[in-house]
Amino acid sequence: MKYVIIFILWIILVVLDTIFIKFSKNKKLKALSSTSVLLITVLLALYELFWS
């Protein structure tokens, strides 16, 4: 069940990021947003591997 919740949160994050990238005019913010999604995904994976 925990994995389902994390997966749903990740999907929501990706959807919000996609919407933000579509409507954002600033290229630096687009890059920062994409990088933050990648970083959050990696951190969630590390959390699941080592602390759960």
C-alpha atoms as a PDB file:
ATOM      1  CA  MET A   1       0.000   0.000   0.000  1.00  0.00           C
ATOM      2  CA  LYS A   2       2.886   2.318   0.777  1.00  0.00           C
ATOM      3  CA  TYR A   3       4.250   1.885  -2.747  1.00  0.00           C
ATOM      4  CA  VAL A   4       0.884   2.768  -4.254  1.00  0.00           C
ATOM      5  CA  ILE A   5       0.744   6.024  -2.290  1.00  0.00           C
ATOM      6  CA  ILE A   6       4.273   6.964  -3.311  1.00  0.00           C
ATOM      7  CA  PHE A   7       3.488   6.115  -6.943  1.00  0.00           C
ATOM      8  CA  ILE A   8       0.330   8.259  -6.876  1.00  0.00           C
ATOM      9  CA  LEU A   9       2.249  11.165  -5.340  1.00  0.00           C
ATOM     10  CA  TRP A  10       4.918  10.788  -8.013  1.00  0.00           C
ATOM     11  CA  ILE A  11       2.303  10.813 -10.794  1.00  0.00           C
ATOM     12  CA  ILE A  12       0.725  13.960  -9.335  1.00  0.00           C
ATOM     13  CA  LEU A  13       4.144  15.579  -9.166  1.00  0.00           C
ATOM     14  CA  VAL A  14       4.906  14.730 -12.791  1.00  0.00           C
ATOM     15  CA  VAL A  15       1.525  16.053 -13.948  1.00  0.00           C
ATOM     16  CA  LEU A  16       1.982  19.306 -12.035  1.00  0.00           C
ATOM     17  CA  ASP A  17       5.490  19.654 -13.418  1.00  0.00           C
ATOM     18  CA  THR A  18       4.240  19.088 -16.964  1.00  0.00           C
ATOM     19  CA  ILE A  19       1.567  21.752 -16.531  1.00  0.00           C
ATOM     20  CA  PHE A  20       4.103  24.149 -15.054  1.00  0.00           C
ATOM     21  CA  ILE A  21       6.558  23.581 -17.911  1.00  0.00           C
ATOM     22  CA  LYS A  22       3.828  24.059 -20.509  1.00  0.00           C
ATOM     23  CA  PHE A  23       2.729  27.443 -19.164  1.00  0.00           C
ATOM     24  CA  SER A  24       6.069  28.780 -17.961  1.00  0.00           C
ATOM     25  CA  LYS A  25       7.887  31.295 -20.125  1.00  0.00           C
ATOM     26  CA  ASN A  26      11.136  31.270 -18.153  1.00  0.00           C
ATOM     27  CA  LYS A  27      13.650  28.661 -19.377  1.00  0.00           C
ATOM     28  CA  LYS A  28      15.583  28.630 -16.095  1.00  0.00           C
ATOM     29  CA  LEU A  29      12.426  27.801 -14.159  1.00  0.00           C
ATOM     30  CA  LYS A  30      11.613  25.010 -16.608  1.00  0.00           C
ATOM     31  CA  ALA A  31      15.047  23.474 -16.102  1.00  0.00           C
ATOM     32  CA  LEU A  32      14.839  23.877 -12.334  1.00  0.00           C
ATOM     33  CA  SER A  33      11.418  22.268 -12.244  1.00  0.00           C
ATOM     34  CA  SER A  34      12.539  19.276 -14.299  1.00  0.00           C
ATOM     35  CA  THR A  35      15.641  18.861 -12.156  1.00  0.00           C
ATOM     36  CA  SER A  36      13.592  19.000  -8.971  1.00  0.00           C
ATOM     37  CA  VAL A  37      11.282  16.231 -10.209  1.00  0.00           C
ATOM     38  CA  LEU A  38      14.290  14.065 -11.026  1.00  0.00           C
ATOM     39  CA  LEU A  39      15.858  14.766  -7.631  1.00  0.00           C
ATOM     40  CA  ILE A  40      12.634  14.001  -5.746  1.00  0.00           C
ATOM     41  CA  THR A  41      12.266  10.737  -7.672  1.00  0.00           C
ATOM     42  CA  VAL A  42      15.822   9.704  -6.801  1.00  0.00           C
ATOM     43  CA  LEU A  43      15.352  10.642  -3.143  1.00  0.00           C
ATOM     44  CA  LEU A  44      12.119   8.647  -2.923  1.00  0.00           C
ATOM     45  CA  ALA A  45      13.849   5.638  -4.449  1.00  0.00           C
ATOM     46  CA  LEU A  46      16.741   5.907  -1.990  1.00  0.00           C
ATOM     47  CA  TYR A  47      14.309   6.258   0.897  1.00  0.00           C
ATOM     48  CA  GLU A  48      12.471   3.120  -0.168  1.00  0.00           C
ATOM     49  CA  LEU A  49      15.695   1.159  -0.592  1.00  0.00           C
ATOM     50  CA  PHE A  50      17.419   2.062   2.652  1.00  0.00           C
ATOM     51  CA  TRP A  51      14.936   3.284   5.255  1.00  0.00           C
ATOM     52  CA  SER A  52      11.786   1.269   4.664  1.00  0.00           C
END
